């Protein structure tokens, strides 16, 4: 749902799902229009987030899409080997499913959804996983100012995200967007909390369950 370009996102800080999901793929894909509103994609890729294959074998990706007048939705999949068998590592595969959807409720109000689950399976060992979901809302009060809200929940029982087992993370982000031509000023408040102590650390190094931050971002697009 979120992208690398800051000017496209309502929130300046990114979600956990974006931060721990694949950023880009290098490979070959084919798109097929099933109808005016439905589409499909199949692809073969190198390792995610690299230009070349570091791990042997290719990743396979697929997508089903729907694009309507007000609603668009995408079901995505990416899977492949993420670690080769060596003296220090075991052969490991990963499979991730992801759903994104956007709904234009009115000219001023838009809603969004992102949900994902990733499963990691070493050979001859039990699998582990993490999952998450986020809801988005954006309301434009006019051409100059809009307000964005993101609520995210992450389930991380095996500690794949923050390294702490049996952990859950919630994050609430409120962002203003002040549009001044090509310049966008983004004041933002974010509050993160976790189930396990030590998910975050203070400036003095103390273990924390929660953290909050207030930032002011300035984005110029051209």
N, C-alpha and C. Protein backbone atom coordinates (compact mmCIF):
# COMPACT_ATOMS: atom_id res chain seq x y z
N UNK A 1 0.83 -1.20 0.00
CA UNK A 1 0.00 0.00 0.00
C UNK A 1 0.87 1.25 0.00
N UNK A 2 1.96 1.22 0.75
CA UNK A 2 2.89 2.34 0.79
C UNK A 2 4.01 2.14 -0.23
N UNK A 3 4.63 3.24 -0.62
CA UNK A 3 5.70 3.19 -1.62
C UNK A 3 6.91 3.96 -1.09
N UNK A 4 8.03 3.84 -1.83
CA UNK A 4 9.27 4.46 -1.38
C UNK A 4 9.19 5.98 -1.48
N UNK A 5 8.53 6.52 -2.49
CA UNK A 5 8.46 7.97 -2.69
C UNK A 5 7.62 8.63 -1.60
N UNK A 6 8.23 9.53 -0.82
CA UNK A 6 7.52 10.16 0.29
C UNK A 6 6.36 11.01 -0.18
N UNK A 7 6.46 11.59 -1.37
CA UNK A 7 5.41 12.49 -1.85
C UNK A 7 4.10 11.75 -2.14
N UNK A 8 4.16 10.42 -2.28
CA UNK A 8 2.97 9.64 -2.60
C UNK A 8 2.22 9.17 -1.36
N UNK A 9 2.95 8.98 -0.25
CA UNK A 9 2.33 8.49 0.98
C UNK A 9 1.69 9.64 1.76
N UNK A 10 0.61 9.34 2.46
CA UNK A 10 -0.01 10.33 3.34
C UNK A 10 0.84 10.51 4.59
N UNK A 11 1.31 9.40 5.16
CA UNK A 11 2.17 9.44 6.34
C UNK A 11 3.63 9.52 5.92
N UNK A 12 4.43 10.29 6.66
CA UNK A 12 5.85 10.39 6.30
C UNK A 12 6.62 9.16 6.78
N UNK A 13 6.42 8.75 8.04
CA UNK A 13 7.04 7.52 8.51
C UNK A 13 6.32 6.33 7.88
N UNK A 14 7.02 5.22 7.75
CA UNK A 14 6.45 4.06 7.07
C UNK A 14 5.99 3.02 8.09
N UNK A 15 5.12 2.14 7.65
CA UNK A 15 4.58 1.08 8.50
C UNK A 15 5.62 -0.02 8.70
N UNK A 16 5.36 -0.89 9.67
CA UNK A 16 6.22 -2.05 9.87
C UNK A 16 6.14 -2.98 8.67
N UNK A 17 4.95 -3.13 8.11
CA UNK A 17 4.80 -4.02 6.96
C UNK A 17 5.61 -3.54 5.77
N UNK A 18 5.66 -2.21 5.57
CA UNK A 18 6.50 -1.69 4.49
C UNK A 18 7.98 -1.88 4.81
N UNK A 19 8.37 -1.60 6.05
CA UNK A 19 9.78 -1.67 6.44
C UNK A 19 10.33 -3.09 6.37
N UNK A 20 9.48 -4.09 6.64
CA UNK A 20 9.95 -5.47 6.66
C UNK A 20 9.42 -6.29 5.48
N UNK A 21 8.79 -5.63 4.52
CA UNK A 21 8.36 -6.31 3.31
C UNK A 21 9.37 -6.11 2.20
N UNK A 22 9.23 -6.80 1.10
CA UNK A 22 10.16 -6.59 -0.02
C UNK A 22 9.99 -5.20 -0.63
N UNK A 23 11.13 -4.53 -0.91
CA UNK A 23 11.09 -3.17 -1.47
C UNK A 23 11.00 -3.20 -3.00
N UNK A 24 11.78 -4.09 -3.63
CA UNK A 24 11.76 -4.14 -5.09
C UNK A 24 12.18 -5.52 -5.58
N UNK A 25 11.87 -5.78 -6.85
CA UNK A 25 12.20 -7.06 -7.48
C UNK A 25 12.86 -6.80 -8.82
N UNK A 26 13.80 -7.65 -9.17
CA UNK A 26 14.43 -7.61 -10.49
C UNK A 26 14.12 -8.92 -11.20
N UNK A 27 13.45 -8.85 -12.34
CA UNK A 27 13.09 -10.07 -13.03
C UNK A 27 12.20 -9.81 -14.22
N UNK A 28 11.36 -10.77 -14.50
CA UNK A 28 10.49 -10.71 -15.67
C UNK A 28 9.06 -11.01 -15.23
N UNK A 29 8.10 -10.19 -15.66
CA UNK A 29 6.71 -10.44 -15.30
C UNK A 29 5.82 -10.24 -16.52
N UNK A 30 4.67 -10.88 -16.48
CA UNK A 30 3.69 -10.76 -17.56
C UNK A 30 2.35 -10.40 -16.95
N UNK A 31 1.71 -9.36 -17.52
CA UNK A 31 0.40 -8.92 -17.07
C UNK A 31 -0.67 -9.37 -18.07
N UNK A 32 -1.79 -9.81 -17.54
CA UNK A 32 -2.89 -10.27 -18.38
C UNK A 32 -4.17 -9.60 -17.93
N UNK A 33 -4.86 -8.93 -18.86
CA UNK A 33 -6.15 -8.32 -18.57
C UNK A 33 -7.23 -9.39 -18.71
N UNK A 34 -7.81 -9.81 -17.59
CA UNK A 34 -8.87 -10.82 -17.62
C UNK A 34 -10.20 -10.23 -18.07
N UNK A 35 -10.41 -8.94 -17.75
CA UNK A 35 -11.59 -8.20 -18.17
C UNK A 35 -11.28 -6.72 -18.00
N UNK A 36 -12.30 -5.88 -18.12
CA UNK A 36 -12.07 -4.45 -17.94
C UNK A 36 -11.66 -4.11 -16.52
N UNK A 37 -12.03 -4.93 -15.55
CA UNK A 37 -11.77 -4.62 -14.15
C UNK A 37 -10.84 -5.62 -13.46
N UNK A 38 -10.68 -6.82 -14.00
CA UNK A 38 -9.85 -7.84 -13.36
C UNK A 38 -8.57 -8.07 -14.17
N UNK A 39 -7.48 -8.31 -13.45
CA UNK A 39 -6.21 -8.58 -14.10
C UNK A 39 -5.41 -9.61 -13.32
N UNK A 40 -4.38 -10.16 -13.97
CA UNK A 40 -3.50 -11.14 -13.34
C UNK A 40 -2.07 -10.86 -13.76
N UNK A 41 -1.15 -11.22 -12.88
CA UNK A 41 0.27 -11.06 -13.15
C UNK A 41 1.01 -12.30 -12.67
N UNK A 42 1.99 -12.75 -13.46
CA UNK A 42 2.91 -13.81 -13.07
C UNK A 42 4.32 -13.32 -13.32
N UNK A 43 5.24 -13.67 -12.41
CA UNK A 43 6.60 -13.19 -12.57
C UNK A 43 7.62 -14.15 -11.99
N UNK A 44 8.85 -14.04 -12.51
CA UNK A 44 10.00 -14.78 -12.00
C UNK A 44 11.07 -13.75 -11.67
N UNK A 45 11.60 -13.80 -10.43
CA UNK A 45 12.46 -12.73 -9.96
C UNK A 45 13.73 -13.27 -9.30
N UNK A 46 14.76 -12.41 -9.28
CA UNK A 46 15.92 -12.67 -8.45
C UNK A 46 15.52 -12.47 -6.98
N UNK A 47 16.50 -12.64 -6.08
CA UNK A 47 16.22 -12.40 -4.66
C UNK A 47 15.62 -11.01 -4.48
N UNK A 48 14.67 -10.88 -3.57
CA UNK A 48 14.07 -9.58 -3.34
C UNK A 48 15.10 -8.60 -2.78
N UNK A 49 14.95 -7.33 -3.20
CA UNK A 49 15.80 -6.23 -2.73
C UNK A 49 17.25 -6.35 -3.18
N UNK A 50 17.53 -7.15 -4.21
CA UNK A 50 18.86 -7.22 -4.80
C UNK A 50 18.71 -7.25 -6.32
N UNK A 51 19.76 -6.80 -7.01
CA UNK A 51 19.74 -6.84 -8.47
C UNK A 51 20.15 -8.21 -9.00
N UNK A 52 20.90 -8.97 -8.21
CA UNK A 52 21.39 -10.27 -8.66
C UNK A 52 20.95 -11.33 -7.65
N UNK A 53 21.06 -12.58 -8.04
CA UNK A 53 20.74 -13.69 -7.15
C UNK A 53 21.91 -13.96 -6.22
N UNK A 54 21.70 -13.77 -4.92
CA UNK A 54 22.69 -14.16 -3.92
C UNK A 54 22.43 -15.60 -3.49
N UNK A 55 21.16 -15.95 -3.36
CA UNK A 55 20.74 -17.31 -3.03
C UNK A 55 20.33 -18.00 -4.32
N UNK A 56 20.69 -19.27 -4.47
CA UNK A 56 20.39 -20.00 -5.70
C UNK A 56 18.89 -20.15 -5.89
N UNK A 57 18.48 -20.21 -7.16
CA UNK A 57 17.06 -20.36 -7.47
C UNK A 57 16.37 -19.02 -7.63
N UNK A 58 15.19 -19.05 -8.19
CA UNK A 58 14.41 -17.84 -8.46
C UNK A 58 13.20 -17.75 -7.54
N UNK A 59 12.73 -16.53 -7.36
CA UNK A 59 11.47 -16.31 -6.67
C UNK A 59 10.34 -16.28 -7.70
N UNK A 60 9.17 -16.72 -7.28
CA UNK A 60 7.97 -16.67 -8.11
C UNK A 60 6.99 -15.69 -7.48
N UNK A 61 6.43 -14.81 -8.31
CA UNK A 61 5.46 -13.85 -7.83
C UNK A 61 4.17 -13.93 -8.63
N UNK A 62 3.07 -13.56 -8.01
CA UNK A 62 1.78 -13.58 -8.69
C UNK A 62 0.88 -12.52 -8.08
N UNK A 63 -0.08 -12.06 -8.89
CA UNK A 63 -1.01 -11.04 -8.41
C UNK A 63 -2.35 -11.18 -9.12
N UNK A 64 -3.42 -11.01 -8.36
CA UNK A 64 -4.76 -10.85 -8.90
C UNK A 64 -5.24 -9.45 -8.53
N UNK A 65 -5.83 -8.74 -9.46
CA UNK A 65 -6.19 -7.35 -9.21
C UNK A 65 -7.61 -7.06 -9.66
N UNK A 66 -8.21 -6.09 -8.97
CA UNK A 66 -9.53 -5.58 -9.33
C UNK A 66 -9.48 -4.06 -9.26
N UNK A 67 -9.95 -3.40 -10.29
CA UNK A 67 -9.98 -1.95 -10.33
C UNK A 67 -11.35 -1.48 -10.77
N UNK A 68 -12.08 -0.87 -9.84
CA UNK A 68 -13.41 -0.35 -10.13
C UNK A 68 -13.44 1.16 -10.06
N UNK A 69 -14.62 1.72 -10.08
CA UNK A 69 -14.75 3.17 -10.05
C UNK A 69 -14.33 3.74 -8.70
N UNK A 70 -14.68 3.04 -7.62
CA UNK A 70 -14.34 3.52 -6.28
C UNK A 70 -13.39 2.60 -5.53
N UNK A 71 -13.41 1.32 -5.86
CA UNK A 71 -12.62 0.33 -5.13
C UNK A 71 -11.57 -0.30 -6.03
N UNK A 72 -10.36 -0.44 -5.48
CA UNK A 72 -9.31 -1.22 -6.13
C UNK A 72 -8.71 -2.15 -5.09
N UNK A 73 -8.39 -3.39 -5.50
CA UNK A 73 -7.86 -4.37 -4.56
C UNK A 73 -6.86 -5.27 -5.27
N UNK A 74 -5.83 -5.69 -4.53
CA UNK A 74 -4.77 -6.52 -5.09
C UNK A 74 -4.41 -7.62 -4.11
N UNK A 75 -4.36 -8.85 -4.60
CA UNK A 75 -3.89 -10.00 -3.84
C UNK A 75 -2.54 -10.41 -4.41
N UNK A 76 -1.50 -10.37 -3.58
CA UNK A 76 -0.13 -10.59 -4.04
C UNK A 76 0.50 -11.80 -3.36
N UNK A 77 1.45 -12.42 -4.07
CA UNK A 77 2.23 -13.53 -3.51
C UNK A 77 3.66 -13.44 -4.01
N UNK A 78 4.60 -13.74 -3.12
CA UNK A 78 6.00 -13.88 -3.51
C UNK A 78 6.59 -15.01 -2.68
N UNK A 79 7.36 -15.89 -3.31
CA UNK A 79 7.94 -17.01 -2.58
C UNK A 79 9.19 -17.54 -3.25
N UNK A 80 10.07 -18.11 -2.44
CA UNK A 80 11.30 -18.68 -2.97
C UNK A 80 12.29 -18.98 -1.86
N UNK A 81 13.46 -19.47 -2.25
CA UNK A 81 14.51 -19.79 -1.29
C UNK A 81 15.20 -18.51 -0.83
N UNK A 82 15.36 -18.36 0.49
CA UNK A 82 15.99 -17.16 1.05
C UNK A 82 17.35 -17.46 1.68
N UNK A 83 17.72 -18.74 1.80
CA UNK A 83 19.03 -19.11 2.33
C UNK A 83 19.44 -20.46 1.78
N UNK A 84 20.70 -20.56 1.35
CA UNK A 84 21.24 -21.82 0.86
C UNK A 84 21.81 -22.63 2.03
N UNK A 85 21.98 -23.92 1.80
CA UNK A 85 22.60 -24.80 2.79
C UNK A 85 24.10 -24.55 2.77
N UNK A 86 24.65 -24.09 3.89
CA UNK A 86 26.10 -23.90 4.05
C UNK A 86 26.52 -24.47 5.41
N UNK A 87 27.79 -24.23 5.76
CA UNK A 87 28.27 -24.71 7.06
C UNK A 87 27.61 -23.96 8.21
N UNK A 88 27.17 -22.74 7.96
CA UNK A 88 26.61 -21.91 9.03
C UNK A 88 25.12 -21.65 8.90
N UNK A 89 24.52 -21.98 7.75
CA UNK A 89 23.09 -21.74 7.54
C UNK A 89 22.43 -23.00 7.00
N UNK A 90 21.12 -23.07 7.15
CA UNK A 90 20.35 -24.17 6.59
C UNK A 90 19.49 -23.64 5.45
N UNK A 91 19.14 -24.52 4.53
CA UNK A 91 18.28 -24.12 3.42
C UNK A 91 16.93 -23.66 3.96
N UNK A 92 16.51 -22.47 3.53
CA UNK A 92 15.29 -21.86 4.06
C UNK A 92 14.48 -21.26 2.93
N UNK A 93 13.18 -21.48 2.96
CA UNK A 93 12.27 -20.87 1.99
C UNK A 93 11.30 -19.95 2.72
N UNK A 94 10.77 -18.98 1.97
CA UNK A 94 9.82 -18.03 2.53
C UNK A 94 8.67 -17.83 1.55
N UNK A 95 7.47 -17.66 2.09
CA UNK A 95 6.28 -17.41 1.29
C UNK A 95 5.51 -16.26 1.94
N UNK A 96 5.14 -15.28 1.14
CA UNK A 96 4.42 -14.13 1.68
C UNK A 96 3.20 -13.83 0.83
N UNK A 97 2.06 -13.65 1.51
CA UNK A 97 0.82 -13.21 0.88
C UNK A 97 0.48 -11.82 1.40
N UNK A 98 -0.05 -11.00 0.50
CA UNK A 98 -0.30 -9.60 0.85
C UNK A 98 -1.57 -9.13 0.14
N UNK A 99 -2.39 -8.38 0.85
CA UNK A 99 -3.60 -7.80 0.30
C UNK A 99 -3.55 -6.28 0.50
N UNK A 100 -3.81 -5.53 -0.56
CA UNK A 100 -3.96 -4.08 -0.46
C UNK A 100 -5.27 -3.69 -1.12
N UNK A 101 -5.91 -2.68 -0.55
CA UNK A 101 -7.17 -2.20 -1.11
C UNK A 101 -7.32 -0.72 -0.82
N UNK A 102 -7.96 -0.02 -1.73
CA UNK A 102 -8.23 1.41 -1.57
C UNK A 102 -9.66 1.69 -1.98
N UNK A 103 -10.34 2.52 -1.19
CA UNK A 103 -11.73 2.84 -1.46
C UNK A 103 -11.92 4.35 -1.39
N UNK A 104 -12.41 4.94 -2.47
CA UNK A 104 -12.70 6.36 -2.52
C UNK A 104 -14.15 6.57 -2.10
N UNK A 105 -14.34 6.85 -0.80
CA UNK A 105 -15.69 6.95 -0.26
C UNK A 105 -16.40 8.21 -0.75
N UNK A 106 -15.66 9.29 -0.92
CA UNK A 106 -16.20 10.54 -1.43
C UNK A 106 -15.07 11.32 -2.05
N UNK A 107 -15.38 12.50 -2.53
CA UNK A 107 -14.32 13.32 -3.12
C UNK A 107 -13.26 13.68 -2.09
N UNK A 108 -13.66 13.79 -0.82
CA UNK A 108 -12.74 14.21 0.23
C UNK A 108 -12.17 13.04 1.02
N UNK A 109 -12.90 11.95 1.16
CA UNK A 109 -12.52 10.85 2.04
C UNK A 109 -12.09 9.62 1.25
N UNK A 110 -10.91 9.10 1.59
CA UNK A 110 -10.43 7.84 1.01
C UNK A 110 -9.97 6.92 2.13
N UNK A 111 -10.19 5.61 1.93
CA UNK A 111 -9.85 4.60 2.92
C UNK A 111 -8.92 3.57 2.30
N UNK A 112 -8.09 2.96 3.13
CA UNK A 112 -7.15 1.97 2.63
C UNK A 112 -6.95 0.82 3.59
N UNK A 113 -6.53 -0.31 3.05
CA UNK A 113 -6.26 -1.51 3.83
C UNK A 113 -5.01 -2.19 3.30
N UNK A 114 -4.18 -2.66 4.24
CA UNK A 114 -3.03 -3.50 3.88
C UNK A 114 -2.94 -4.62 4.92
N UNK A 115 -2.85 -5.86 4.46
CA UNK A 115 -2.70 -7.00 5.36
C UNK A 115 -1.72 -7.98 4.73
N UNK A 116 -0.88 -8.58 5.56
CA UNK A 116 0.14 -9.47 5.02
C UNK A 116 0.48 -10.56 6.03
N UNK A 117 0.98 -11.68 5.53
CA UNK A 117 1.51 -12.75 6.36
C UNK A 117 2.71 -13.36 5.66
N UNK A 118 3.78 -13.58 6.42
CA UNK A 118 5.00 -14.16 5.86
C UNK A 118 5.38 -15.39 6.67
N UNK A 119 5.65 -16.49 5.97
CA UNK A 119 6.04 -17.75 6.58
C UNK A 119 7.46 -18.09 6.16
N UNK A 120 8.30 -18.42 7.13
CA UNK A 120 9.70 -18.78 6.89
C UNK A 120 9.91 -20.21 7.35
N UNK A 121 10.43 -21.07 6.46
CA UNK A 121 10.55 -22.51 6.76
C UNK A 121 11.96 -23.02 6.47
N UNK A 122 12.78 -23.25 7.52
CA UNK A 122 14.06 -23.94 7.32
C UNK A 122 13.80 -25.42 7.03
N UNK A 123 14.68 -26.03 6.23
CA UNK A 123 14.52 -27.44 5.93
C UNK A 123 14.72 -28.26 7.21
N UNK A 124 13.87 -29.26 7.39
CA UNK A 124 13.92 -30.16 8.55
C UNK A 124 13.76 -29.41 9.88
N UNK A 125 13.00 -28.30 9.87
CA UNK A 125 12.74 -27.56 11.11
C UNK A 125 11.36 -26.93 11.02
N UNK A 126 10.84 -26.54 12.17
CA UNK A 126 9.52 -25.94 12.22
C UNK A 126 9.54 -24.56 11.58
N UNK A 127 8.42 -24.17 11.00
CA UNK A 127 8.32 -22.87 10.35
C UNK A 127 7.99 -21.79 11.38
N UNK A 128 8.26 -20.55 11.02
CA UNK A 128 7.92 -19.38 11.83
C UNK A 128 7.26 -18.36 10.92
N UNK A 129 6.56 -17.40 11.51
CA UNK A 129 5.85 -16.43 10.70
C UNK A 129 5.62 -15.14 11.46
N UNK A 130 5.27 -14.11 10.72
CA UNK A 130 4.75 -12.88 11.30
C UNK A 130 3.64 -12.37 10.38
N UNK A 131 2.75 -11.58 10.93
CA UNK A 131 1.63 -11.07 10.15
C UNK A 131 1.28 -9.66 10.64
N UNK A 132 0.54 -8.95 9.81
CA UNK A 132 0.17 -7.60 10.19
C UNK A 132 -0.99 -7.08 9.36
N UNK A 133 -1.60 -6.03 9.85
CA UNK A 133 -2.69 -5.37 9.14
C UNK A 133 -2.70 -3.90 9.51
N UNK A 134 -3.09 -3.08 8.56
CA UNK A 134 -3.16 -1.64 8.80
C UNK A 134 -4.37 -1.06 8.08
N UNK A 135 -5.01 -0.10 8.73
CA UNK A 135 -6.11 0.66 8.15
C UNK A 135 -5.66 2.09 7.95
N UNK A 136 -6.05 2.67 6.83
CA UNK A 136 -5.67 4.04 6.47
C UNK A 136 -6.92 4.87 6.21
N UNK A 137 -6.84 6.14 6.56
CA UNK A 137 -7.92 7.07 6.24
C UNK A 137 -7.29 8.42 5.91
N UNK A 138 -7.81 9.06 4.87
CA UNK A 138 -7.34 10.39 4.48
C UNK A 138 -8.55 11.26 4.18
N UNK A 139 -8.54 12.46 4.76
CA UNK A 139 -9.63 13.40 4.52
C UNK A 139 -9.04 14.73 4.07
N UNK A 140 -9.48 15.18 2.90
CA UNK A 140 -9.01 16.45 2.35
C UNK A 140 -9.97 17.56 2.76
N UNK A 141 -9.50 18.50 3.56
CA UNK A 141 -10.33 19.63 3.97
C UNK A 141 -10.37 20.72 2.90
N UNK A 142 -9.56 20.58 1.88
CA UNK A 142 -9.49 21.53 0.78
C UNK A 142 -8.26 21.23 -0.05
N UNK A 143 -7.90 22.14 -0.92
CA UNK A 143 -6.71 21.93 -1.76
C UNK A 143 -5.42 22.07 -0.97
N UNK A 144 -5.47 22.76 0.17
CA UNK A 144 -4.24 23.07 0.91
C UNK A 144 -3.95 22.06 2.00
N UNK A 145 -4.97 21.61 2.72
CA UNK A 145 -4.72 20.77 3.90
C UNK A 145 -5.52 19.48 3.85
N UNK A 146 -4.85 18.39 4.19
CA UNK A 146 -5.50 17.08 4.36
C UNK A 146 -4.91 16.40 5.58
N UNK A 147 -5.68 15.48 6.16
CA UNK A 147 -5.27 14.78 7.37
C UNK A 147 -5.29 13.28 7.11
N UNK A 148 -4.21 12.61 7.53
CA UNK A 148 -4.10 11.17 7.32
C UNK A 148 -3.96 10.43 8.63
N UNK A 149 -4.59 9.26 8.72
CA UNK A 149 -4.54 8.42 9.91
C UNK A 149 -4.18 7.00 9.50
N UNK A 150 -3.25 6.39 10.24
CA UNK A 150 -2.88 4.99 10.01
C UNK A 150 -2.85 4.26 11.35
N UNK A 151 -3.56 3.15 11.43
CA UNK A 151 -3.51 2.28 12.59
C UNK A 151 -3.02 0.91 12.16
N UNK A 152 -1.95 0.43 12.80
CA UNK A 152 -1.30 -0.82 12.38
C UNK A 152 -1.15 -1.76 13.57
N UNK A 153 -1.33 -3.05 13.30
CA UNK A 153 -1.14 -4.09 14.30
C UNK A 153 -0.28 -5.20 13.72
N UNK A 154 0.77 -5.56 14.43
CA UNK A 154 1.71 -6.60 14.01
C UNK A 154 1.70 -7.73 15.02
N UNK A 155 1.58 -8.96 14.54
CA UNK A 155 1.69 -10.15 15.38
C UNK A 155 3.01 -10.84 15.06
N UNK A 156 3.90 -10.91 16.04
CA UNK A 156 5.25 -11.41 15.82
C UNK A 156 5.60 -12.47 16.87
N UNK A 157 4.98 -13.65 16.80
CA UNK A 157 5.18 -14.66 17.86
C UNK A 157 6.59 -15.24 17.90
N UNK A 158 7.31 -15.20 16.80
CA UNK A 158 8.64 -15.81 16.75
C UNK A 158 9.78 -14.79 16.80
N UNK A 159 9.45 -13.52 16.95
CA UNK A 159 10.48 -12.50 17.07
C UNK A 159 11.20 -12.18 15.77
N UNK A 160 10.53 -12.35 14.64
CA UNK A 160 11.18 -12.08 13.35
C UNK A 160 11.33 -10.58 13.07
N UNK A 161 10.49 -9.75 13.71
CA UNK A 161 10.53 -8.31 13.45
C UNK A 161 11.49 -7.59 14.39
N UNK A 162 11.24 -7.69 15.69
CA UNK A 162 12.05 -6.96 16.66
C UNK A 162 12.92 -7.87 17.53
N UNK A 163 12.94 -9.18 17.21
CA UNK A 163 13.82 -10.08 17.94
C UNK A 163 13.31 -10.54 19.29
N UNK A 164 12.03 -10.28 19.60
CA UNK A 164 11.44 -10.70 20.87
C UNK A 164 10.27 -11.63 20.59
N UNK A 165 10.31 -12.83 21.15
CA UNK A 165 9.26 -13.80 20.91
C UNK A 165 7.98 -13.42 21.64
N UNK A 166 6.86 -13.98 21.16
CA UNK A 166 5.54 -13.73 21.74
C UNK A 166 5.27 -12.23 21.83
N UNK A 167 5.51 -11.53 20.75
CA UNK A 167 5.40 -10.08 20.75
C UNK A 167 4.28 -9.61 19.83
N UNK A 168 3.62 -8.56 20.24
CA UNK A 168 2.65 -7.86 19.41
C UNK A 168 2.97 -6.38 19.43
N UNK A 169 2.77 -5.73 18.29
CA UNK A 169 3.12 -4.32 18.15
C UNK A 169 1.92 -3.58 17.59
N UNK A 170 1.62 -2.44 18.16
CA UNK A 170 0.59 -1.56 17.60
C UNK A 170 1.20 -0.19 17.38
N UNK A 171 0.77 0.47 16.32
CA UNK A 171 1.29 1.80 16.00
C UNK A 171 0.16 2.66 15.45
N UNK A 172 0.06 3.87 15.99
CA UNK A 172 -0.94 4.84 15.54
C UNK A 172 -0.20 6.07 15.04
N UNK A 173 -0.52 6.49 13.82
CA UNK A 173 0.16 7.62 13.20
C UNK A 173 -0.87 8.61 12.67
N UNK A 174 -0.71 9.87 13.04
CA UNK A 174 -1.57 10.95 12.56
C UNK A 174 -0.68 11.96 11.85
N UNK A 175 -1.01 12.26 10.59
CA UNK A 175 -0.17 13.12 9.77
C UNK A 175 -1.00 14.19 9.09
N UNK A 176 -0.54 15.42 9.18
CA UNK A 176 -1.11 16.50 8.40
C UNK A 176 -0.34 16.68 7.11
N UNK A 177 -1.01 17.09 6.06
CA UNK A 177 -0.36 17.37 4.79
C UNK A 177 -0.76 18.78 4.36
N UNK A 178 0.21 19.69 4.41
CA UNK A 178 -0.01 21.07 4.00
C UNK A 178 0.61 21.25 2.62
N UNK A 179 -0.21 21.42 1.61
CA UNK A 179 0.25 21.47 0.23
C UNK A 179 0.46 22.93 -0.19
N UNK A 180 1.70 23.23 -0.52
CA UNK A 180 2.07 24.57 -0.96
C UNK A 180 2.74 24.46 -2.33
N UNK A 181 1.95 24.20 -3.35
CA UNK A 181 2.50 23.97 -4.68
C UNK A 181 3.27 22.67 -4.71
N UNK A 182 4.53 22.72 -5.11
CA UNK A 182 5.37 21.52 -5.16
C UNK A 182 5.92 21.14 -3.79
N UNK A 183 5.65 21.95 -2.79
CA UNK A 183 6.15 21.73 -1.44
C UNK A 183 5.03 21.18 -0.56
N UNK A 184 5.34 20.13 0.21
CA UNK A 184 4.38 19.57 1.16
C UNK A 184 5.03 19.53 2.54
N UNK A 185 4.38 20.16 3.50
CA UNK A 185 4.84 20.16 4.89
C UNK A 185 4.00 19.13 5.65
N UNK A 186 4.68 18.21 6.37
CA UNK A 186 4.00 17.09 7.01
C UNK A 186 4.33 17.06 8.50
N UNK A 187 3.49 17.68 9.34
CA UNK A 187 3.64 17.46 10.79
C UNK A 187 3.02 16.11 11.14
N UNK A 188 3.71 15.34 11.99
CA UNK A 188 3.25 13.97 12.25
C UNK A 188 3.48 13.57 13.70
N UNK A 189 2.50 12.89 14.26
CA UNK A 189 2.59 12.31 15.59
C UNK A 189 2.44 10.80 15.47
N UNK A 190 3.36 10.05 16.10
CA UNK A 190 3.33 8.59 16.03
C UNK A 190 3.54 8.00 17.42
N UNK A 191 2.73 7.00 17.76
CA UNK A 191 2.83 6.30 19.04
C UNK A 191 2.92 4.80 18.76
N UNK A 192 4.01 4.17 19.21
CA UNK A 192 4.23 2.74 19.04
C UNK A 192 4.24 2.08 20.41
N UNK A 193 3.62 0.91 20.51
CA UNK A 193 3.66 0.14 21.76
C UNK A 193 3.78 -1.34 21.43
N UNK A 194 4.40 -2.08 22.35
CA UNK A 194 4.63 -3.51 22.15
C UNK A 194 4.24 -4.28 23.39
N UNK A 195 4.04 -5.57 23.22
CA UNK A 195 3.68 -6.45 24.33
C UNK A 195 4.88 -6.72 25.23
N UNK A 196 6.05 -6.87 24.61
CA UNK A 196 7.25 -7.24 25.35
C UNK A 196 8.10 -6.04 25.71
N UNK A 197 8.62 -6.06 26.92
CA UNK A 197 9.55 -5.02 27.36
C UNK A 197 10.86 -5.16 26.60
N UNK A 198 11.45 -4.04 26.22
CA UNK A 198 12.70 -4.07 25.47
C UNK A 198 12.52 -3.97 23.98
N UNK A 199 11.28 -3.81 23.53
CA UNK A 199 11.05 -3.63 22.10
C UNK A 199 11.66 -2.32 21.61
N UNK A 200 11.73 -1.35 22.49
CA UNK A 200 12.33 -0.05 22.16
C UNK A 200 13.30 0.33 23.28
N UNK A 201 14.16 1.27 23.00
CA UNK A 201 15.11 1.76 24.00
C UNK A 201 15.06 3.27 24.04
N UNK A 202 15.25 3.82 25.24
CA UNK A 202 15.30 5.27 25.41
C UNK A 202 16.67 5.79 24.98
N UNK A 203 16.80 7.11 24.96
CA UNK A 203 18.09 7.71 24.61
C UNK A 203 19.17 7.34 25.60
N UNK A 204 18.76 7.02 26.83
CA UNK A 204 19.73 6.64 27.85
C UNK A 204 19.96 5.13 27.90
N UNK A 205 19.29 4.37 27.00
CA UNK A 205 19.50 2.94 26.91
C UNK A 205 18.56 2.10 27.72
N UNK A 206 17.52 2.70 28.32
CA UNK A 206 16.56 1.94 29.11
C UNK A 206 15.61 1.16 28.19
N UNK A 207 15.21 -0.03 28.63
CA UNK A 207 14.27 -0.85 27.86
C UNK A 207 12.85 -0.31 28.02
N UNK A 208 12.15 -0.19 26.90
CA UNK A 208 10.81 0.38 26.90
C UNK A 208 9.83 -0.54 26.18
N UNK A 209 8.56 -0.45 26.56
CA UNK A 209 7.48 -1.12 25.84
C UNK A 209 6.82 -0.21 24.82
N UNK A 210 6.99 1.08 24.95
CA UNK A 210 6.32 2.04 24.08
C UNK A 210 7.23 3.20 23.78
N UNK A 211 6.95 3.86 22.67
CA UNK A 211 7.70 5.04 22.29
C UNK A 211 6.80 5.96 21.49
N UNK A 212 7.07 7.23 21.52
CA UNK A 212 6.28 8.20 20.76
C UNK A 212 7.22 9.23 20.16
N UNK A 213 6.77 9.83 19.08
CA UNK A 213 7.61 10.82 18.41
C UNK A 213 6.78 11.84 17.66
N UNK A 214 7.29 13.04 17.60
CA UNK A 214 6.67 14.12 16.84
C UNK A 214 7.70 14.64 15.85
N UNK A 215 7.33 14.69 14.57
CA UNK A 215 8.28 15.13 13.56
C UNK A 215 7.63 16.14 12.63
N UNK A 216 8.48 16.86 11.93
CA UNK A 216 8.04 17.79 10.91
C UNK A 216 8.86 17.51 9.65
N UNK A 217 8.20 17.03 8.61
CA UNK A 217 8.89 16.69 7.36
C UNK A 217 8.52 17.72 6.29
N UNK A 218 9.47 17.98 5.41
CA UNK A 218 9.24 18.86 4.27
C UNK A 218 9.65 18.11 3.01
N UNK A 219 8.71 17.94 2.10
CA UNK A 219 8.94 17.18 0.86
C UNK A 219 8.73 18.10 -0.33
N UNK A 220 9.74 18.16 -1.20
CA UNK A 220 9.63 18.94 -2.43
C UNK A 220 9.71 17.99 -3.61
N UNK A 221 8.69 18.02 -4.45
CA UNK A 221 8.63 17.12 -5.59
C UNK A 221 8.74 17.91 -6.88
N UNK A 222 9.44 17.32 -7.84
CA UNK A 222 9.63 17.98 -9.15
C UNK A 222 9.82 16.93 -10.22
